[in-house]
Amino acid sequence: QVQLVGSGGGLVQAGGSLRLSCAASGSIFSFNLMGWHRQAPGKERELVATISRGGSTGYADSVKGRFTISKDNAKNTLYLQMNSLKPEETAMYYCVARSDGYVGGYDYWGQGTQVTVSS
């Protein structure tokens, strides 16, 4: 079983930046899609960004131009660079992954890493 370990969250002021990391216990090349979800109390879970096995990326409209998802296959690590952070983006951020053939969502979830943006 592959395990995902997210890290890099913290407290930043509005306009600041954070880089989240997600380390996998196995090869991330085994996933056809990886990404980051976030969820805050009272709000619906939101898919923030995705990256495919081949490197194609996708972003929620709210983060386009400010967030960048990337991966390092050699290090089996997924990243999310977050710039110009806003207070409303305070949330738990979860690393997720989908295996070949899996339908309906993501079959692997990392533990959440808390991002808090102060005003």
PDB file of N, CA and C in Angstrom:
ATOM      1  N   GLN A   1       0.839  -1.179   0.000  1.00  0.00           N
ATOM      2  CA  GLN A   1       0.000   0.000   0.000  1.00  0.00           C
ATOM      3  C   GLN A   1       0.883   1.242   0.000  1.00  0.00           C
ATOM      4  N   VAL A   2       0.600   2.146  -0.914  1.00  0.00           N
ATOM      5  CA  VAL A   2       1.332   3.391  -0.999  1.00  0.00           C
ATOM      6  C   VAL A   2       0.803   4.345   0.061  1.00  0.00           C
ATOM      7  N   GLN A   3       1.710   5.036   0.721  1.00  0.00           N
ATOM      8  CA  GLN A   3       1.329   6.047   1.694  1.00  0.00           C
ATOM      9  C   GLN A   3       1.791   7.414   1.221  1.00  0.00           C
ATOM     10  N   LEU A   4       0.964   8.423   1.476  1.00  0.00           N
ATOM     11  CA  LEU A   4       1.275   9.790   1.122  1.00  0.00           C
ATOM     12  C   LEU A   4       1.411  10.606   2.397  1.00  0.00           C
ATOM     13  N   VAL A   5       2.478  11.363   2.491  1.00  0.00           N
ATOM     14  CA  VAL A   5       2.736  12.172   3.672  1.00  0.00           C
ATOM     15  C   VAL A   5       2.878  13.628   3.259  1.00  0.00           C
ATOM     16  N   GLY A   6       1.894  14.434   3.636  1.00  0.00           N
ATOM     17  CA  GLY A   6       1.921  15.840   3.303  1.00  0.00           C
ATOM     18  C   GLY A   6       2.614  16.656   4.375  1.00  0.00           C
ATOM     19  N   SER A   7       3.233  17.740   3.957  1.00  0.00           N
ATOM     20  CA  SER A   7       3.927  18.616   4.886  1.00  0.00           C
ATOM     21  C   SER A   7       4.083  19.995   4.259  1.00  0.00           C
ATOM     22  N   GLY A   8       4.570  20.930   5.040  1.00  0.00           N
ATOM     23  CA  GLY A   8       4.871  22.251   4.519  1.00  0.00           C
ATOM     24  C   GLY A   8       3.884  23.336   4.888  1.00  0.00           C
ATOM     25  N   GLY A   9       2.787  22.969   5.532  1.00  0.00           N
ATOM     26  CA  GLY A   9       1.816  23.963   5.937  1.00  0.00           C
ATOM     27  C   GLY A   9       2.355  24.829   7.055  1.00  0.00           C
ATOM     28  N   GLY A  10       1.650  25.904   7.316  1.00  0.00           N
ATOM     29  CA  GLY A  10       2.069  26.811   8.366  1.00  0.00           C
ATOM     30  C   GLY A  10       1.220  28.052   8.384  1.00  0.00           C
ATOM     31  N   LEU A  11       1.673  29.037   9.120  1.00  0.00           N
ATOM     32  CA  LEU A  11       0.976  30.311   9.231  1.00  0.00           C
ATOM     33  C   LEU A  11       1.735  31.374   8.449  1.00  0.00           C
ATOM     34  N   VAL A  12       1.024  32.056   7.574  1.00  0.00           N
ATOM     35  CA  VAL A  12       1.624  33.137   6.794  1.00  0.00           C
ATOM     36  C   VAL A  12       0.669  34.315   6.764  1.00  0.00           C
ATOM     37  N   GLN A  13       1.214  35.485   6.532  1.00  0.00           N
ATOM     38  CA  GLN A  13       0.390  36.667   6.370  1.00  0.00           C
ATOM     39  C   GLN A  13      -0.163  36.723   4.956  1.00  0.00           C
ATOM     40  N   ALA A  14      -1.274  37.419   4.805  1.00  0.00           N
ATOM     41  CA  ALA A  14      -1.857  37.590   3.478  1.00  0.00           C
ATOM     42  C   ALA A  14      -0.812  38.127   2.513  1.00  0.00           C
ATOM     43  N   GLY A  15      -0.779  37.533   1.335  1.00  0.00           N
ATOM     44  CA  GLY A  15       0.203  37.928   0.342  1.00  0.00           C
ATOM     45  C   GLY A  15       1.475  37.102   0.384  1.00  0.00           C
ATOM     46  N   GLY A  16       1.609  36.283   1.403  1.00  0.00           N
ATOM     47  CA  GLY A  16       2.792  35.456   1.545  1.00  0.00           C
ATOM     48  C   GLY A  16       2.711  34.179   0.738  1.00  0.00           C
ATOM     49  N   SER A  17       3.742  33.358   0.874  1.00  0.00           N
ATOM     50  CA  SER A  17       3.850  32.129   0.096  1.00  0.00           C
ATOM     51  C   SER A  17       4.172  30.929   0.976  1.00  0.00           C
ATOM     52  N   LEU A  18       3.756  29.765   0.511  1.00  0.00           N
ATOM     53  CA  LEU A  18       4.092  28.500   1.136  1.00  0.00           C
ATOM     54  C   LEU A  18       4.295  27.463   0.043  1.00  0.00           C
ATOM     55  N   ARG A  19       5.130  26.483   0.332  1.00  0.00           N
ATOM     56  CA  ARG A  19       5.331  25.367  -0.575  1.00  0.00           C
ATOM     57  C   ARG A  19       4.986  24.081   0.152  1.00  0.00           C
ATOM     58  N   LEU A  20       3.954  23.398  -0.308  1.00  0.00           N
ATOM     59  CA  LEU A  20       3.545  22.139   0.272  1.00  0.00           C
ATOM     60  C   LEU A  20       4.241  20.992  -0.439  1.00  0.00           C
ATOM     61  N   SER A  21       4.540  19.941   0.309  1.00  0.00           N
ATOM     62  CA  SER A  21       5.162  18.753  -0.251  1.00  0.00           C
ATOM     63  C   SER A  21       4.348  17.528   0.109  1.00  0.00           C
ATOM     64  N   CYS A  22       4.387  16.535  -0.739  1.00  0.00           N
ATOM     65  CA  CYS A  22       3.720  15.262  -0.497  1.00  0.00           C
ATOM     66  C   CYS A  22       4.666  14.160  -0.913  1.00  0.00           C
ATOM     67  N   ALA A  23       5.201  13.456   0.060  1.00  0.00           N
ATOM     68  CA  ALA A  23       6.143  12.382  -0.203  1.00  0.00           C
ATOM     69  C   ALA A  23       5.417  11.043  -0.246  1.00  0.00           C
ATOM     70  N   ALA A  24       5.640  10.282  -1.295  1.00  0.00           N
ATOM     71  CA  ALA A  24       5.028   8.971  -1.448  1.00  0.00           C
ATOM     72  C   ALA A  24       6.011   7.875  -1.065  1.00  0.00           C
ATOM     73  N   SER A  25       5.488   6.816  -0.476  1.00  0.00           N
ATOM     74  CA  SER A  25       6.344   5.703  -0.073  1.00  0.00           C
ATOM     75  C   SER A  25       6.769   4.841  -1.251  1.00  0.00           C
ATOM     76  N   GLY A  26       6.072   4.986  -2.376  1.00  0.00           N
ATOM     77  CA  GLY A  26       6.409   4.270  -3.586  1.00  0.00           C
ATOM     78  C   GLY A  26       6.521   5.214  -4.760  1.00  0.00           C
ATOM     79  N   SER A  27       6.693   4.662  -5.935  1.00  0.00           N
ATOM     80  CA  SER A  27       6.839   5.479  -7.137  1.00  0.00           C
ATOM     81  C   SER A  27       5.550   6.221  -7.460  1.00  0.00           C
ATOM     82  N   ILE A  28       5.649   7.530  -7.629  1.00  0.00           N
ATOM     83  CA  ILE A  28       4.469   8.304  -7.990  1.00  0.00           C
ATOM     84  C   ILE A  28       4.099   8.088  -9.452  1.00  0.00           C
ATOM     85  N   PHE A  29       4.975   7.443 -10.202  1.00  0.00           N
ATOM     86  CA  PHE A  29       4.674   7.123 -11.587  1.00  0.00           C
ATOM     87  C   PHE A  29       3.569   6.071 -11.680  1.00  0.00           C
ATOM     88  N   SER A  30       3.272   5.405 -10.570  1.00  0.00           N
ATOM     89  CA  SER A  30       2.204   4.420 -10.547  1.00  0.00           C
ATOM     90  C   SER A  30       0.823   5.077 -10.573  1.00  0.00           C
ATOM     91  N   PHE A  31       0.755   6.387 -10.336  1.00  0.00           N
ATOM     92  CA  PHE A  31      -0.508   7.127 -10.335  1.00  0.00           C
ATOM     93  C   PHE A  31      -0.737   7.803 -11.680  1.00  0.00           C
ATOM     94  N   ASN A  32      -1.968   7.750 -12.171  1.00  0.00           N
ATOM     95  CA  ASN A  32      -2.245   8.479 -13.403  1.00  0.00           C
ATOM     96  C   ASN A  32      -2.586   9.938 -13.133  1.00  0.00           C
ATOM     97  N   LEU A  33      -2.910  10.246 -11.872  1.00  0.00           N
ATOM     98  CA  LEU A  33      -3.239  11.622 -11.516  1.00  0.00           C
ATOM     99  C   LEU A  33      -2.934  11.860 -10.048  1.00  0.00           C
ATOM    100  N   MET A  34      -2.385  13.010  -9.744  1.00  0.00           N
ATOM    101  CA  MET A  34      -2.170  13.432  -8.372  1.00  0.00           C
ATOM    102  C   MET A  34      -2.661  14.861  -8.231  1.00  0.00           C
ATOM    103  N   GLY A  35      -2.932  15.250  -6.999  1.00  0.00           N
ATOM    104  CA  GLY A  35      -3.409  16.607  -6.818  1.00  0.00           C
ATOM    105  C   GLY A  35      -3.497  17.017  -5.372  1.00  0.00           C
ATOM    106  N   TRP A  36      -4.089  18.178  -5.175  1.00  0.00           N
ATOM    107  CA  TRP A  36      -4.285  18.739  -3.851  1.00  0.00           C
ATOM    108  C   TRP A  36      -5.730  19.173  -3.682  1.00  0.00           C
ATOM    109  N   HIS A  37      -6.331  18.742  -2.586  1.00  0.00           N
ATOM    110  CA  HIS A  37      -7.648  19.191  -2.163  1.00  0.00           C
ATOM    111  C   HIS A  37      -7.474  20.083  -0.948  1.00  0.00           C
ATOM    112  N   ARG A  38      -8.442  20.943  -0.703  1.00  0.00           N
ATOM    113  CA  ARG A  38      -8.451  21.715   0.529  1.00  0.00           C
ATOM    114  C   ARG A  38      -9.865  21.779   1.076  1.00  0.00           C
ATOM    115  N   GLN A  39      -9.960  21.874   2.388  1.00  0.00           N
ATOM    116  CA  GLN A  39     -11.252  21.968   3.028  1.00  0.00           C
ATOM    117  C   GLN A  39     -11.153  22.804   4.293  1.00  0.00           C
ATOM    118  N   ALA A  40     -12.068  23.739   4.422  1.00  0.00           N
ATOM    119  CA  ALA A  40     -12.145  24.591   5.597  1.00  0.00           C
ATOM    120  C   ALA A  40     -13.492  24.383   6.270  1.00  0.00           C
ATOM    121  N   PRO A  41     -13.589  24.599   7.580  1.00  0.00           N
ATOM    122  CA  PRO A  41     -14.865  24.450   8.276  1.00  0.00           C
ATOM    123  C   PRO A  41     -15.953  25.300   7.640  1.00  0.00           C
ATOM    124  N   GLY A  42     -17.108  24.689   7.392  1.00  0.00           N
ATOM    125  CA  GLY A  42     -18.219  25.413   6.800  1.00  0.00           C
ATOM    126  C   GLY A  42     -18.150  25.575   5.299  1.00  0.00           C
ATOM    127  N   LYS A  43     -17.120  25.054   4.683  1.00  0.00           N
ATOM    128  CA  LYS A  43     -16.973  25.167   3.244  1.00  0.00           C
ATOM    129  C   LYS A  43     -16.878  23.780   2.607  1.00  0.00           C
ATOM    130  N   GLU A  44     -17.254  23.691   1.351  1.00  0.00           N
ATOM    131  CA  GLU A  44     -17.158  22.435   0.625  1.00  0.00           C
ATOM    132  C   GLU A  44     -15.703  22.147   0.273  1.00  0.00           C
ATOM    133  N   ARG A  45     -15.410  20.859   0.180  1.00  0.00           N
ATOM    134  CA  ARG A  45     -14.081  20.460  -0.233  1.00  0.00           C
ATOM    135  C   ARG A  45     -13.843  20.918  -1.666  1.00  0.00           C
ATOM    136  N   GLU A  46     -12.665  21.412  -1.927  1.00  0.00           N
ATOM    137  CA  GLU A  46     -12.340  21.964  -3.229  1.00  0.00           C
ATOM    138  C   GLU A  46     -11.079  21.333  -3.786  1.00  0.00           C
ATOM    139  N   LEU A  47     -11.145  20.933  -5.037  1.00  0.00           N
ATOM    140  CA  LEU A  47      -9.963  20.433  -5.727  1.00  0.00           C
ATOM    141  C   LEU A  47      -9.179  21.642  -6.214  1.00  0.00           C
ATOM    142  N   VAL A  48      -7.973  21.792  -5.722  1.00  0.00           N
ATOM    143  CA  VAL A  48      -7.169  22.972  -5.995  1.00  0.00           C
ATOM    144  C   VAL A  48      -6.367  22.837  -7.280  1.00  0.00           C
ATOM    145  N   ALA A  49      -5.696  21.709  -7.433  1.00  0.00           N
ATOM    146  CA  ALA A  49      -4.824  21.517  -8.584  1.00  0.00           C
ATOM    147  C   ALA A  49      -4.567  20.039  -8.823  1.00  0.00           C
ATOM    148  N   THR A  50      -4.298  19.689 -10.074  1.00  0.00           N
ATOM    149  CA  THR A  50      -3.978  18.313 -10.436  1.00  0.00           C
ATOM    150  C   THR A  50      -2.804  18.287 -11.401  1.00  0.00           C
ATOM    151  N   ILE A  51      -2.131  17.141 -11.427  1.00  0.00           N
ATOM    152  CA  ILE A  51      -1.071  16.920 -12.396  1.00  0.00           C
ATOM    153  C   ILE A  51      -1.114  15.456 -12.804  1.00  0.00           C
ATOM    154  N   SER A  52      -1.080  15.207 -14.096  1.00  0.00           N
ATOM    155  CA  SER A  52      -1.178  13.853 -14.614  1.00  0.00           C
ATOM    156  C   SER A  52       0.177  13.174 -14.652  1.00  0.00           C
ATOM    157  N   ARG A  53       0.166  11.897 -14.959  1.00  0.00           N
ATOM    158  CA  ARG A  53       1.404  11.147 -15.084  1.00  0.00           C
ATOM    159  C   ARG A  53       2.332  11.810 -16.098  1.00  0.00           C
ATOM    160  N   GLY A  54       1.757  12.303 -17.174  1.00  0.00           N
ATOM    161  CA  GLY A  54       2.539  12.937 -18.216  1.00  0.00           C
ATOM    162  C   GLY A  54       2.898  14.385 -17.955  1.00  0.00           C
ATOM    163  N   GLY A  55       2.401  14.950 -16.863  1.00  0.00           N
ATOM    164  CA  GLY A  55       2.764  16.306 -16.506  1.00  0.00           C
ATOM    165  C   GLY A  55       1.751  17.386 -16.843  1.00  0.00           C
ATOM    166  N   SER A  56       0.605  17.004 -17.388  1.00  0.00           N
ATOM    167  CA  SER A  56      -0.435  17.988 -17.671  1.00  0.00           C
ATOM    168  C   SER A  56      -1.039  18.482 -16.367  1.00  0.00           C
ATOM    169  N   THR A  57      -1.266  19.775 -16.265  1.00  0.00           N
ATOM    170  CA  THR A  57      -1.764  20.363 -15.027  1.00  0.00           C
ATOM    171  C   THR A  57      -3.138  20.990 -15.199  1.00  0.00           C
ATOM    172  N   GLY A  58      -3.844  21.092 -14.084  1.00  0.00           N
ATOM    173  CA  GLY A  58      -5.129  21.748 -14.059  1.00  0.00           C
ATOM    174  C   GLY A  58      -5.301  22.454 -12.729  1.00  0.00           C
ATOM    175  N   TYR A  59      -6.026  23.577 -12.731  1.00  0.00           N
ATOM    176  CA  TYR A  59      -6.181  24.384 -11.541  1.00  0.00           C
ATOM    177  C   TYR A  59      -7.609  24.865 -11.372  1.00  0.00           C
ATOM    178  N   ALA A  60      -8.007  25.031 -10.117  1.00  0.00           N
ATOM    179  CA  ALA A  60      -9.256  25.710  -9.842  1.00  0.00           C
ATOM    180  C   ALA A  60      -9.119  27.153 -10.291  1.00  0.00           C
ATOM    181  N   ASP A  61     -10.207  27.723 -10.783  1.00  0.00           N
ATOM    182  CA  ASP A  61     -10.153  29.093 -11.282  1.00  0.00           C
ATOM    183  C   ASP A  61      -9.635  30.073 -10.230  1.00  0.00           C
ATOM    184  N   SER A  62      -9.955  29.813  -8.987  1.00  0.00           N
ATOM    185  CA  SER A  62      -9.596  30.734  -7.923  1.00  0.00           C
ATOM    186  C   SER A  62      -8.095  30.817  -7.651  1.00  0.00           C
ATOM    187  N   VAL A  63      -7.331  29.823  -8.112  1.00  0.00           N
ATOM    188  CA  VAL A  63      -5.901  29.819  -7.823  1.00  0.00           C
ATOM    189  C   VAL A  63      -5.033  29.964  -9.061  1.00  0.00           C
ATOM    190  N   LYS A  64      -5.631  30.036 -10.220  1.00  0.00           N
ATOM    191  CA  LYS A  64      -4.859  30.157 -11.458  1.00  0.00           C
ATOM    192  C   LYS A  64      -3.993  31.408 -11.435  1.00  0.00           C
ATOM    193  N   GLY A  65      -2.755  31.233 -11.812  1.00  0.00           N
ATOM    194  CA  GLY A  65      -1.821  32.341 -11.838  1.00  0.00           C
ATOM    195  C   GLY A  65      -1.069  32.542 -10.547  1.00  0.00           C
ATOM    196  N   ARG A  66      -1.537  31.901  -9.468  1.00  0.00           N
ATOM    197  CA  ARG A  66      -0.891  32.067  -8.164  1.00  0.00           C
ATOM    198  C   ARG A  66      -0.300  30.765  -7.629  1.00  0.00           C
ATOM    199  N   PHE A  67      -0.932  29.641  -7.941  1.00  0.00           N
ATOM    200  CA  PHE A  67      -0.467  28.336  -7.469  1.00  0.00           C
ATOM    201  C   PHE A  67       0.169  27.568  -8.616  1.00  0.00           C
ATOM    202  N   THR A  68       1.167  26.758  -8.283  1.00  0.00           N
ATOM    203  CA  THR A  68       1.810  25.903  -9.270  1.00  0.00           C
ATOM    204  C   THR A  68       1.991  24.508  -8.699  1.00  0.00           C
ATOM    205  N   ILE A  69       1.447  23.508  -9.379  1.00  0.00           N
ATOM    206  CA  ILE A  69       1.621  22.127  -8.963  1.00  0.00           C
ATOM    207  C   ILE A  69       2.741  21.515  -9.794  1.00  0.00           C
ATOM    208  N   SER A  70       3.561  20.723  -9.154  1.00  0.00           N
ATOM    209  CA  SER A  70       4.664  20.078  -9.844  1.00  0.00           C
ATOM    210  C   SER A  70       5.007  18.772  -9.139  1.00  0.00           C
ATOM    211  N   LYS A  71       5.863  17.988  -9.761  1.00  0.00           N
ATOM    212  CA  LYS A  71       6.288  16.742  -9.144  1.00  0.00           C
ATOM    213  C   LYS A  71       7.716  16.424  -9.526  1.00  0.00           C
ATOM    214  N   ASP A  72       8.357  15.649  -8.681  1.00  0.00           N
ATOM    215  CA  ASP A  72       9.702  15.175  -8.925  1.00  0.00           C
ATOM    216  C   ASP A  72       9.641  13.660  -8.871  1.00  0.00           C
ATOM    217  N   ASN A  73       9.640  13.028 -10.027  1.00  0.00           N
ATOM    218  CA  ASN A  73       9.509  11.576 -10.084  1.00  0.00           C
ATOM    219  C   ASN A  73      10.671  10.862  -9.388  1.00  0.00           C
ATOM    220  N   ALA A  74      11.858  11.420  -9.502  1.00  0.00           N
ATOM    221  CA  ALA A  74      13.024  10.801  -8.879  1.00  0.00           C
ATOM    222  C   ALA A  74      12.919  10.798  -7.363  1.00  0.00           C
ATOM    223  N   LYS A  75      12.289  11.838  -6.808  1.00  0.00           N
ATOM    224  CA  LYS A  75      12.129  11.941  -5.363  1.00  0.00           C
ATOM    225  C   LYS A  75      10.776  11.425  -4.882  1.00  0.00           C
ATOM    226  N   ASN A  76       9.926  11.005  -5.815  1.00  0.00           N
ATOM    227  CA  ASN A  76       8.577  10.521  -5.491  1.00  0.00           C
ATOM    228  C   ASN A  76       7.822  11.539  -4.635  1.00  0.00           C
ATOM    229  N   THR A  77       7.894  12.779  -5.058  1.00  0.00           N
ATOM    230  CA  THR A  77       7.320  13.864  -4.280  1.00  0.00           C
ATOM    231  C   THR A  77       6.487  14.797  -5.150  1.00  0.00           C
ATOM    232  N   LEU A  78       5.355  15.182  -4.625  1.00  0.00           N
ATOM    233  CA  LEU A  78       4.453  16.137  -5.249  1.00  0.00           C
ATOM    234  C   LEU A  78       4.575  17.460  -4.508  1.00  0.00           C
ATOM    235  N   TYR A  79       4.455  18.576  -5.229  1.00  0.00           N
ATOM    236  CA  TYR A  79       4.579  19.887  -4.625  1.00  0.00           C
ATOM    237  C   TYR A  79       3.413  20.791  -5.010  1.00  0.00           C
ATOM    238  N   LEU A  80       3.165  21.769  -4.165  1.00  0.00           N
ATOM    239  CA  LEU A  80       2.232  22.830  -4.495  1.00  0.00           C
ATOM    240  C   LEU A  80       2.832  24.141  -4.010  1.00  0.00           C
ATOM    241  N   GLN A  81       3.247  24.968  -4.946  1.00  0.00           N
ATOM    242  CA  GLN A  81       3.760  26.285  -4.617  1.00  0.00           C
ATOM    243  C   GLN A  81       2.583  27.246  -4.590  1.00  0.00           C
ATOM    244  N   MET A  82       2.379  27.907  -3.468  1.00  0.00           N
ATOM    245  CA  MET A  82       1.256  28.806  -3.293  1.00  0.00           C
ATOM    246  C   MET A  82       1.780  30.213  -3.047  1.00  0.00           C
ATOM    247  N   ASN A  83       1.454  31.115  -3.945  1.00  0.00           N
ATOM    248  CA  ASN A  83       1.884  32.501  -3.838  1.00  0.00           C
ATOM    249  C   ASN A  83       0.682  33.419  -3.654  1.00  0.00           C
ATOM    250  N   SER A  84       0.945  34.605  -3.137  1.00  0.00           N
ATOM    251  CA  SER A  84      -0.101  35.615  -2.937  1.00  0.00           C
ATOM    252  C   SER A  84      -1.308  35.041  -2.212  1.00  0.00           C
ATOM    253  N   LEU A  85      -1.047  34.372  -1.119  1.00  0.00           N
ATOM    254  CA  LEU A  85      -2.109  33.705  -0.376  1.00  0.00           C
ATOM    255  C   LEU A  85      -3.101  34.687   0.224  1.00  0.00           C
ATOM    256  N   LYS A  86      -4.356  34.255   0.265  1.00  0.00           N
ATOM    257  CA  LYS A  86      -5.451  35.055   0.771  1.00  0.00           C
ATOM    258  C   LYS A  86      -6.014  34.428   2.045  1.00  0.00           C
ATOM    259  N   PRO A  87      -6.549  35.233   2.960  1.00  0.00           N
ATOM    260  CA  PRO A  87      -7.100  34.688   4.202  1.00  0.00           C
ATOM    261  C   PRO A  87      -8.177  33.624   3.971  1.00  0.00           C
ATOM    262  N   GLU A  88      -8.987  33.783   2.949  1.00  0.00           N
ATOM    263  CA  GLU A  88     -10.043  32.824   2.667  1.00  0.00           C
ATOM    264  C   GLU A  88      -9.516  31.470   2.203  1.00  0.00           C
ATOM    265  N   GLU A  89      -8.217  31.381   1.962  1.00  0.00           N
ATOM    266  CA  GLU A  89      -7.616  30.115   1.559  1.00  0.00           C
ATOM    267  C   GLU A  89      -7.079  29.319   2.740  1.00  0.00           C
ATOM    268  N   THR A  90      -7.355  29.806   3.937  1.00  0.00           N
ATOM    269  CA  THR A  90      -7.038  29.049   5.135  1.00  0.00           C
ATOM    270  C   THR A  90      -7.831  27.746   5.117  1.00  0.00           C
ATOM    271  N   ALA A  91      -7.139  26.631   5.217  1.00  0.00           N
ATOM    272  CA  ALA A  91      -7.791  25.329   5.117  1.00  0.00           C
ATOM    273  C   ALA A  91      -6.799  24.214   5.398  1.00  0.00           C
ATOM    274  N   MET A  92      -7.338  23.009   5.540  1.00  0.00           N
ATOM    275  CA  MET A  92      -6.506  21.822   5.550  1.00  0.00           C
ATOM    276  C   MET A  92      -6.291  21.416   4.095  1.00  0.00           C
ATOM    277  N   TYR A  93      -5.060  21.189   3.735  1.00  0.00           N
ATOM    278  CA  TYR A  93      -4.720  20.795   2.379  1.00  0.00           C
ATOM    279  C   TYR A  93      -4.308  19.328   2.361  1.00  0.00           C
ATOM    280  N   TYR A  94      -4.912  18.567   1.435  1.00  0.00           N
ATOM    281  CA  TYR A  94      -4.691  17.131   1.354  1.00  0.00           C
ATOM    282  C   TYR A  94      -4.080  16.738   0.017  1.00  0.00           C
ATOM    283  N   CYS A  95      -3.031  15.970   0.073  1.00  0.00           N
ATOM    284  CA  CYS A  95      -2.444  15.369  -1.112  1.00  0.00           C
ATOM    285  C   CYS A  95      -3.273  14.156  -1.494  1.00  0.00           C
ATOM    286  N   VAL A  96      -3.599  14.025  -2.779  1.00  0.00           N
ATOM    287  CA  VAL A  96      -4.411  12.902  -3.247  1.00  0.00           C
ATOM    288  C   VAL A  96      -3.792  12.286  -4.491  1.00  0.00           C
ATOM    289  N   ALA A  97      -4.145  11.021  -4.745  1.00  0.00           N
ATOM    290  CA  ALA A  97      -3.630  10.319  -5.911  1.00  0.00           C
ATOM    291  C   ALA A  97      -4.646   9.307  -6.408  1.00  0.00           C
ATOM    292  N   ARG A  98      -4.626   9.068  -7.705  1.00  0.00           N
ATOM    293  CA  ARG A  98      -5.532   8.115  -8.343  1.00  0.00           C
ATOM    294  C   ARG A  98      -4.734   7.086  -9.131  1.00  0.00           C
ATOM    295  N   SER A  99      -5.060   5.826  -8.905  1.00  0.00           N
ATOM    296  CA  SER A  99      -4.403   4.731  -9.607  1.00  0.00           C
ATOM    297  C   SER A  99      -5.054   4.494 -10.961  1.00  0.00           C
ATOM    298  N   ASP A 100      -4.341   3.814 -11.838  1.00  0.00           N
ATOM    299  CA  ASP A 100      -4.899   3.439 -13.127  1.00  0.00           C
ATOM    300  C   ASP A 100      -6.171   2.628 -12.919  1.00  0.00           C
ATOM    301  N   GLY A 101      -7.221   2.990 -13.634  1.00  0.00           N
ATOM    302  CA  GLY A 101      -8.463   2.248 -13.576  1.00  0.00           C
ATOM    303  C   GLY A 101      -9.416   2.635 -12.464  1.00  0.00           C
ATOM    304  N   TYR A 102      -8.981   3.469 -11.537  1.00  0.00           N
ATOM    305  CA  TYR A 102      -9.852   3.864 -10.442  1.00  0.00           C
ATOM    306  C   TYR A 102     -10.830   4.921 -10.929  1.00  0.00           C
ATOM    307  N   VAL A 103     -12.108   4.745 -10.575  1.00  0.00           N
ATOM    308  CA  VAL A 103     -13.172   5.641 -11.010  1.00  0.00           C
ATOM    309  C   VAL A 103     -13.910   6.191  -9.798  1.00  0.00           C
ATOM    310  N   GLY A 104     -14.233   7.464  -9.852  1.00  0.00           N
ATOM    311  CA  GLY A 104     -15.060   8.056  -8.814  1.00  0.00           C
ATOM    312  C   GLY A 104     -14.366   8.969  -7.831  1.00  0.00           C
ATOM    313  N   GLY A 105     -13.070   9.178  -8.009  1.00  0.00           N
ATOM    314  CA  GLY A 105     -12.362  10.063  -7.102  1.00  0.00           C
ATOM    315  C   GLY A 105     -10.905   9.678  -6.974  1.00  0.00           C
ATOM    316  N   TYR A 106     -10.427   9.668  -5.749  1.00  0.00           N
ATOM    317  CA  TYR A 106      -9.031   9.351  -5.473  1.00  0.00           C
ATOM    318  C   TYR A 106      -8.953   8.215  -4.475  1.00  0.00           C
ATOM    319  N   ASP A 107      -8.095   7.259  -4.740  1.00  0.00           N
ATOM    320  CA  ASP A 107      -7.991   6.098  -3.866  1.00  0.00           C
ATOM    321  C   ASP A 107      -6.889   6.220  -2.829  1.00  0.00           C
ATOM    322  N   TYR A 108      -6.096   7.277  -2.906  1.00  0.00           N
ATOM    323  CA  TYR A 108      -5.074   7.529  -1.902  1.00  0.00           C
ATOM    324  C   TYR A 108      -5.162   8.968  -1.420  1.00  0.00           C
ATOM    325  N   TRP A 109      -5.126   9.104  -0.107  1.00  0.00           N
ATOM    326  CA  TRP A 109      -5.182  10.423   0.536  1.00  0.00           C
ATOM    327  C   TRP A 109      -4.090  10.525   1.584  1.00  0.00           C
ATOM    328  N   GLY A 110      -3.390  11.628   1.582  1.00  0.00           N
ATOM    329  CA  GLY A 110      -2.424  11.878   2.629  1.00  0.00           C
ATOM    330  C   GLY A 110      -3.094  12.546   3.814  1.00  0.00           C
ATOM    331  N   GLN A 111      -2.382  12.654   4.911  1.00  0.00           N
ATOM    332  CA  GLN A 111      -2.907  13.400   6.038  1.00  0.00           C
ATOM    333  C   GLN A 111      -2.875  14.881   5.682  1.00  0.00           C
ATOM    334  N   GLY A 112      -3.772  15.621   6.267  1.00  0.00           N
ATOM    335  CA  GLY A 112      -3.846  17.037   5.952  1.00  0.00           C
ATOM    336  C   GLY A 112      -2.720  17.834   6.561  1.00  0.00           C
ATOM    337  N   THR A 113      -2.337  18.899   5.877  1.00  0.00           N
ATOM    338  CA  THR A 113      -1.394  19.856   6.423  1.00  0.00           C
ATOM    339  C   THR A 113      -2.093  21.209   6.468  1.00  0.00           C
ATOM    340  N   GLN A 114      -2.064  21.833   7.622  1.00  0.00           N
ATOM    341  CA  GLN A 114      -2.838  23.051   7.849  1.00  0.00           C
ATOM    342  C   GLN A 114      -2.139  24.273   7.277  1.00  0.00           C
ATOM    343  N   VAL A 115      -2.898  25.043   6.511  1.00  0.00           N
ATOM    344  CA  VAL A 115      -2.434  26.324   6.002  1.00  0.00           C
ATOM    345  C   VAL A 115      -3.309  27.409   6.600  1.00  0.00           C
ATOM    346  N   THR A 116      -2.698  28.352   7.280  1.00  0.00           N
ATOM    347  CA  THR A 116      -3.429  29.449   7.888  1.00  0.00           C
ATOM    348  C   THR A 116      -2.878  30.765   7.365  1.00  0.00           C
ATOM    349  N   VAL A 117      -3.763  31.560   6.793  1.00  0.00           N
ATOM    350  CA  VAL A 117      -3.372  32.847   6.223  1.00  0.00           C
ATOM    351  C   VAL A 117      -4.018  33.949   7.051  1.00  0.00           C
ATOM    352  N   SER A 118      -3.218  34.743   7.692  1.00  0.00           N
ATOM    353  CA  SER A 118      -3.725  35.809   8.547  1.00  0.00           C
ATOM    354  C   SER A 118      -3.852  37.104   7.767  1.00  0.00           C
ATOM    355  N   SER A 119      -4.772  37.952   8.215  1.00  0.00           N
ATOM    356  CA  SER A 119      -4.976  39.248   7.590  1.00  0.00           C
ATOM    357  C   SER A 119      -4.333  40.358   8.386  1.00  0.00           C
TER     358      SER A 119
END
